[in-house]
Amino acid sequence: MPRFSANLSMLFGEHEFLDRFDAAARAGFKGVEYIGPYDHAPDAVAARLKKNGLTQVLFNLPAGDWGKGERGIAVLPDRVPEFRQGIAKAITYAQALGCQQVNCLAGIAPAGA
């Protein structure tokens, strides 16, 4: 039997982010994923997971400026220090959330690369 997680970046958009955990649990989901948790403190996200009996399945490393169209920075040689900081940040969140999978969005290679 397939198991699906609720992508809280895409589902339950009528709710604020942290309230989407409640909505996912009410809808019967057991696991959640999303683009990134970084606008919220790890303990606040962990509390919503625990309150709702949800498993954190996946989230992405910091991906640069999403609003400006960046979809990852791993491919950008001039962003190595920022990428490394993002790895450390993602590990902190993953540990706090009990998440065993973190996705790395490579990004868009610069022209001529």
Protein backbone atom coordinates (compact mmCIF):
# COMPACT_ATOMS: atom_id res chain seq x y z
CA MET A 1 0.00 0.00 0.00
CA PRO A 2 1.53 3.36 -0.98
CA ARG A 3 2.13 5.93 1.71
CA PHE A 4 1.96 9.63 0.95
CA SER A 5 3.18 12.62 2.90
CA ALA A 6 1.48 15.98 2.80
CA ASN A 7 3.61 18.63 1.12
CA LEU A 8 2.78 21.60 3.31
CA SER A 9 4.27 24.03 0.78
CA MET A 10 1.56 22.97 -1.66
CA LEU A 11 -1.37 21.80 0.49
CA PHE A 12 -3.57 23.59 3.01
CA GLY A 13 -2.59 27.03 1.73
CA GLU A 14 -5.62 28.54 3.43
CA HIS A 15 -3.73 28.10 6.73
CA GLU A 16 -0.57 29.71 8.08
CA PHE A 17 2.41 27.37 7.79
CA LEU A 18 2.43 26.03 11.36
CA ASP A 19 -1.33 25.47 11.26
CA ARG A 20 -0.90 23.29 8.18
CA PHE A 21 0.47 20.52 10.43
CA ASP A 22 -2.88 20.40 12.23
CA ALA A 23 -4.73 20.34 8.89
CA ALA A 24 -2.55 17.52 7.56
CA ALA A 25 -3.20 15.40 10.64
CA ARG A 26 -6.94 16.05 10.43
CA ALA A 27 -6.83 14.94 6.79
CA GLY A 28 -5.27 11.64 7.85
CA PHE A 29 -1.66 12.18 6.83
CA LYS A 30 1.05 10.59 8.99
CA GLY A 31 4.03 12.35 7.40
CA VAL A 32 4.83 15.83 6.10
CA GLU A 33 7.35 17.51 3.84
CA TYR A 34 7.83 21.04 2.53
CA ILE A 35 10.32 23.26 0.74
CA GLY A 36 12.00 24.48 3.92
CA PRO A 37 11.26 25.19 7.58
CA TYR A 38 13.69 28.06 7.95
CA ASP A 39 11.19 30.85 8.61
CA HIS A 40 10.27 29.12 11.89
CA ALA A 41 12.32 28.04 14.90
CA PRO A 42 13.14 24.32 14.98
CA ASP A 43 11.40 23.88 18.34
CA ALA A 44 8.18 25.47 17.01
CA VAL A 45 8.09 23.08 14.06
CA ALA A 46 8.99 20.11 16.28
CA ALA A 47 6.15 21.00 18.64
CA ARG A 48 3.63 20.87 15.78
CA LEU A 49 4.97 17.51 14.64
CA LYS A 50 4.69 16.10 18.15
CA LYS A 51 1.26 17.62 18.84
CA ASN A 52 -0.12 15.95 15.71
CA GLY A 53 1.80 12.67 15.81
CA LEU A 54 3.40 13.44 12.45
CA THR A 55 6.70 12.29 10.99
CA GLN A 56 8.95 14.78 9.24
CA VAL A 57 9.75 12.98 5.99
CA LEU A 58 11.78 15.51 4.00
CA PHE A 59 12.72 19.14 3.50
CA ASN A 60 15.25 20.97 1.33
CA LEU A 61 18.56 22.58 2.13
CA PRO A 62 18.36 26.38 2.00
CA ALA A 63 17.95 27.10 -1.70
CA GLY A 64 18.96 30.74 -2.01
CA ASP A 65 16.42 33.45 -2.74
CA TRP A 66 13.31 31.53 -3.78
CA GLY A 67 11.42 34.76 -4.54
CA LYS A 68 14.07 35.74 -7.10
CA GLY A 69 13.86 32.38 -8.83
CA GLU A 70 16.83 30.65 -7.22
CA ARG A 71 16.26 26.91 -6.89
CA GLY A 72 19.41 25.88 -5.09
CA ILE A 73 22.94 27.17 -4.83
CA ALA A 74 25.06 23.99 -4.86
CA VAL A 75 26.04 24.55 -8.51
CA LEU A 76 27.23 28.13 -7.92
CA PRO A 77 30.98 28.28 -7.17
CA ASP A 78 30.80 31.78 -5.69
CA ARG A 79 28.18 30.62 -3.14
CA VAL A 80 30.20 27.80 -1.50
CA PRO A 81 30.40 29.50 1.93
CA GLU A 82 26.62 30.11 1.93
CA PHE A 83 26.01 26.51 0.81
CA ARG A 84 28.15 25.18 3.66
CA GLN A 85 26.28 27.33 6.17
CA GLY A 86 23.05 25.97 4.73
CA ILE A 87 24.20 22.40 5.32
CA ALA A 88 24.91 23.17 8.97
CA LYS A 89 21.53 24.86 9.34
CA ALA A 90 19.71 21.95 7.69
CA ILE A 91 21.45 19.46 10.00
CA THR A 92 20.31 21.48 13.02
CA TYR A 93 16.72 21.38 11.79
CA ALA A 94 16.89 17.71 10.77
CA GLN A 95 18.10 16.71 14.23
CA ALA A 96 15.44 18.79 15.97
CA LEU A 97 12.69 17.40 13.72
CA GLY A 98 13.86 13.79 13.64
CA CYS A 99 14.13 14.02 9.86
CA GLN A 100 16.32 11.47 8.12
CA GLN A 101 16.12 12.89 4.59
CA VAL A 102 17.20 16.31 3.39
CA ASN A 103 17.09 17.22 -0.30
CA CYS A 104 19.73 19.34 -2.01
CA LEU A 105 18.44 21.45 -4.89
CA ALA A 106 21.46 21.89 -7.16
CA GLY A 107 20.34 25.16 -8.67
CA ILE A 108 20.65 26.56 -12.16
CA ALA A 109 24.14 26.55 -13.65
CA PRO A 110 25.41 29.93 -14.82
CA ALA A 111 25.55 30.50 -18.57
CA GLY A 112 28.69 29.01 -20.07
CA ALA A 113 29.36 26.69 -17.15
